[in-house]
């Protein structure tokens, strides 16, 4: 059935529908391509269902496309360099490039996140270089300026807060993880170790 469809025309229709609904949003071309392919598939699925006499739930394409394109933030891309840096740190945490209790520590009672500033800057530079993101690399001075001018107000202390992390007592940058989640959608659990996650899960289930 699929081989008999005019896929190229379907893509054109999807592109026009996408343009109609998100033309006022700042969306990277890569994301537009992904949304176009997704929309083409959905329309083909709908056509097949119609031919088979199946009734599908009505989908609000306009609302769905704008949500996927990141309308909640006014733009798909982070608004500033601080946001991009924090999103990079989230990815690094998931990959194990920076670790709780070694490179940073989360106080789950206050929701304060303490980063060993110098170590995190060095690890971030390595992470960017491996991925060809040299333009996103930040030196110590630039980071301090960026953090001190944080427009989203989740940075509590740009640099210099002394905090024990594991066996060291470095100067740290302090982030409010709760406010960070509200601004960028990075879950607080991202920064937790297994013990903290288990406790948070238990509390969430009404056990704690």
Protein backbone atom coordinates (compact mmCIF):
# COMPACT_ATOMS: atom_id res chain seq x y z
CA UNK A 1 0.00 0.00 0.00
CA UNK A 2 2.73 2.46 0.99
CA UNK A 3 4.70 1.95 -2.22
CA UNK A 4 1.67 3.07 -4.20
CA UNK A 5 1.40 6.41 -2.39
CA UNK A 6 2.70 9.75 -3.63
CA UNK A 7 5.16 10.31 -0.79
CA UNK A 8 6.73 13.39 -2.36
CA UNK A 9 3.37 15.13 -2.60
CA UNK A 10 2.65 14.10 0.99
CA UNK A 11 5.87 15.74 2.12
CA UNK A 12 4.95 18.93 0.25
CA UNK A 13 1.53 19.03 1.92
CA UNK A 14 3.17 18.46 5.32
CA UNK A 15 5.66 21.26 4.68
CA UNK A 16 2.86 23.69 3.83
CA UNK A 17 0.91 22.70 6.93
CA UNK A 18 4.02 23.12 9.05
CA UNK A 19 4.77 26.52 7.53
CA UNK A 20 1.22 27.66 8.14
CA UNK A 21 1.33 26.79 11.84
CA UNK A 22 4.85 27.56 13.04
CA UNK A 23 6.15 30.23 10.65
CA UNK A 24 6.24 32.77 13.49
CA UNK A 25 8.46 30.57 15.69
CA UNK A 26 12.27 30.39 15.62
CA UNK A 27 12.85 26.69 14.90
CA UNK A 28 16.12 25.05 13.68
CA UNK A 29 15.91 23.56 10.18
CA UNK A 30 16.75 20.11 11.55
CA UNK A 31 13.66 20.23 13.76
CA UNK A 32 11.50 21.42 10.86
CA UNK A 33 12.66 18.42 8.81
CA UNK A 34 11.86 16.03 11.66
CA UNK A 35 8.40 17.52 12.12
CA UNK A 36 7.74 17.35 8.37
CA UNK A 37 8.59 13.63 8.23
CA UNK A 38 6.51 12.93 11.33
CA UNK A 39 3.53 14.84 9.92
CA UNK A 40 3.81 13.04 6.58
CA UNK A 41 3.65 9.69 8.37
CA UNK A 42 0.64 10.73 10.44
CA UNK A 43 -1.26 11.86 7.35
CA UNK A 44 -0.46 8.62 5.53
CA UNK A 45 -1.66 6.66 8.54
CA UNK A 46 -4.88 8.67 8.52
CA UNK A 47 -5.40 7.97 4.82
CA UNK A 48 -4.90 4.24 5.32
CA UNK A 49 -7.33 4.21 8.24
CA UNK A 50 -9.92 6.03 6.11
CA UNK A 51 -9.59 3.49 3.30
CA UNK A 52 -10.05 0.68 5.82
CA UNK A 53 -13.12 2.33 7.25
CA UNK A 54 -11.51 3.01 10.63
CA UNK A 55 -12.28 6.13 12.62
CA UNK A 56 -9.34 7.78 14.31
CA UNK A 57 -9.39 10.39 17.11
CA UNK A 58 -9.29 13.93 15.77
CA UNK A 59 -5.86 15.50 16.09
CA UNK A 60 -5.33 19.23 16.54
CA UNK A 61 -2.35 19.58 14.22
CA UNK A 62 -1.86 23.28 14.91
CA UNK A 63 -1.63 22.92 18.70
CA UNK A 64 0.49 19.77 18.50
CA UNK A 65 3.00 21.22 16.06
CA UNK A 66 3.45 24.42 18.04
CA UNK A 67 3.99 22.45 21.23
CA UNK A 68 6.55 20.17 19.59
CA UNK A 69 8.31 23.18 18.09
CA UNK A 70 8.82 24.60 21.54
CA UNK A 71 6.29 27.42 21.75
CA UNK A 72 6.29 27.23 25.55
CA UNK A 73 9.73 28.85 25.56
CA UNK A 74 8.93 31.25 22.73
CA UNK A 75 11.59 29.47 20.71
CA UNK A 76 12.89 25.95 20.30
CA UNK A 77 16.42 27.02 21.15
CA UNK A 78 17.48 28.01 24.65
CA UNK A 79 17.23 31.78 25.07
CA UNK A 80 20.75 32.43 26.30
CA UNK A 81 24.22 30.98 26.77
CA UNK A 82 23.55 30.07 30.41
CA UNK A 83 20.55 27.95 29.38
CA UNK A 84 22.62 26.17 26.72
CA UNK A 85 25.38 25.52 29.23
CA UNK A 86 22.93 23.96 31.71
CA UNK A 87 21.38 21.78 29.00
CA UNK A 88 24.88 20.59 28.12
CA UNK A 89 25.50 19.72 31.76
CA UNK A 90 22.27 17.73 31.81
CA UNK A 91 23.48 15.67 28.83
CA UNK A 92 26.89 15.24 30.46
CA UNK A 93 25.27 13.98 33.65
CA UNK A 94 23.23 11.38 31.78
CA UNK A 95 26.37 10.25 29.95
CA UNK A 96 28.36 10.00 33.19
CA UNK A 97 30.82 12.70 32.14
CA UNK A 98 30.13 14.55 35.41
CA UNK A 99 28.99 12.76 38.58
CA UNK A 100 27.11 13.51 41.76
CA UNK A 101 29.46 13.50 44.74
CA UNK A 102 32.52 14.00 42.52
CA UNK A 103 31.94 16.99 40.25
CA UNK A 104 28.80 18.35 41.85
CA UNK A 105 26.45 17.71 44.74
CA UNK A 106 22.71 18.20 45.15
CA UNK A 107 21.15 19.14 48.48
CA UNK A 108 17.69 17.69 47.96
CA UNK A 109 16.30 19.50 50.99
CA UNK A 110 17.11 22.99 49.72
CA UNK A 111 17.19 21.96 46.02
CA UNK A 112 20.56 23.67 45.76
CA UNK A 113 22.93 22.26 43.17
CA UNK A 114 26.65 22.91 43.77
CA UNK A 115 29.03 22.54 40.81
CA UNK A 116 32.80 22.31 41.22
CA UNK A 117 33.19 25.22 38.81
CA UNK A 118 36.72 24.66 37.50
CA UNK A 119 36.26 20.91 37.03
CA UNK A 120 32.92 21.31 35.28
CA UNK A 121 34.34 23.95 32.92
CA UNK A 122 37.17 21.57 31.97
CA UNK A 123 34.84 18.61 31.45
CA UNK A 124 32.45 20.75 29.45
CA UNK A 125 35.29 21.81 27.15
CA UNK A 126 36.18 18.13 26.53
CA UNK A 127 32.52 17.29 25.90
CA UNK A 128 32.17 20.13 23.36
CA UNK A 129 35.40 19.26 21.55
CA UNK A 130 34.43 15.61 21.06
CA UNK A 131 31.11 16.72 19.52
CA UNK A 132 32.50 19.44 17.32
CA UNK A 133 30.93 22.17 19.43
CA UNK A 134 34.05 24.23 19.98
CA UNK A 135 31.99 27.41 19.60
CA UNK A 136 30.11 26.44 22.77
CA UNK A 137 33.27 26.09 24.87
CA UNK A 138 33.42 28.60 27.73
CA UNK A 139 36.45 29.80 29.65
CA UNK A 140 36.45 30.53 33.35
CA UNK A 141 36.06 34.29 33.07
CA UNK A 142 33.27 34.12 30.48
CA UNK A 143 31.34 31.61 32.56
CA UNK A 144 31.50 33.80 35.64
CA UNK A 145 30.15 36.76 33.68
CA UNK A 146 27.41 34.66 32.10
CA UNK A 147 26.28 33.19 35.40
CA UNK A 148 26.31 36.53 37.20
CA UNK A 149 24.04 37.94 34.47
CA UNK A 150 21.63 34.98 34.50
CA UNK A 151 18.31 36.42 33.24
CA UNK A 152 16.34 33.35 34.31
CA UNK A 153 17.37 33.76 37.97
CA UNK A 154 18.10 30.13 38.77
CA UNK A 155 21.75 30.92 39.47
CA UNK A 156 22.05 31.64 43.21
CA UNK A 157 25.84 32.12 43.34
CA UNK A 158 27.89 32.58 40.19
CA UNK A 159 31.20 31.47 41.68
CA UNK A 160 33.15 31.20 44.90
CA UNK A 161 30.79 29.41 47.28
CA UNK A 162 32.88 26.95 49.29
CA UNK A 163 31.19 23.56 49.56
CA UNK A 164 32.34 20.03 50.32
CA UNK A 165 32.00 17.67 47.36
CA UNK A 166 33.24 14.21 48.17
CA UNK A 167 36.75 14.53 49.57
CA UNK A 168 37.36 18.05 48.31
CA UNK A 169 36.14 21.49 49.39
CA UNK A 170 36.18 23.52 46.17
CA UNK A 171 34.72 26.85 45.17
CA UNK A 172 31.39 26.15 43.56
CA UNK A 173 28.62 27.64 41.48
CA UNK A 174 25.20 27.34 43.12
CA UNK A 175 22.09 26.61 41.05
CA UNK A 176 18.52 26.31 42.33
CA UNK A 177 17.53 22.97 40.79
CA UNK A 178 13.82 23.59 41.31
CA UNK A 179 13.87 26.90 39.45
CA UNK A 180 16.07 25.32 36.79
CA UNK A 181 13.43 22.65 36.23
CA UNK A 182 10.77 25.32 35.91
CA UNK A 183 12.75 27.28 33.31
CA UNK A 184 14.34 24.52 31.20
CA UNK A 185 12.37 21.44 32.18
CA UNK A 186 15.44 19.60 33.50
CA UNK A 187 14.07 17.27 36.23
CA UNK A 188 15.63 17.63 39.66
CA UNK A 189 16.13 13.85 39.63
CA UNK A 190 18.72 14.36 36.86
CA UNK A 191 21.22 15.48 39.47
CA UNK A 192 20.39 12.86 42.12
CA UNK A 193 22.34 9.74 43.02
CA UNK A 194 20.54 6.40 43.29
CA UNK A 195 19.82 6.80 47.00
CA UNK A 196 18.24 10.21 46.47
CA UNK A 197 16.19 8.94 43.54
CA UNK A 198 14.90 5.99 45.57
CA UNK A 199 13.92 8.31 48.43
CA UNK A 200 12.25 10.76 46.05
CA UNK A 201 10.33 7.90 44.43
CA UNK A 202 9.22 6.58 47.83
CA UNK A 203 8.02 10.03 48.89
CA UNK A 204 6.22 10.43 45.59
CA UNK A 205 4.42 7.13 46.18
CA UNK A 206 3.40 8.23 49.67
CA UNK A 207 5.76 5.87 51.43
CA UNK A 208 8.28 8.40 52.77
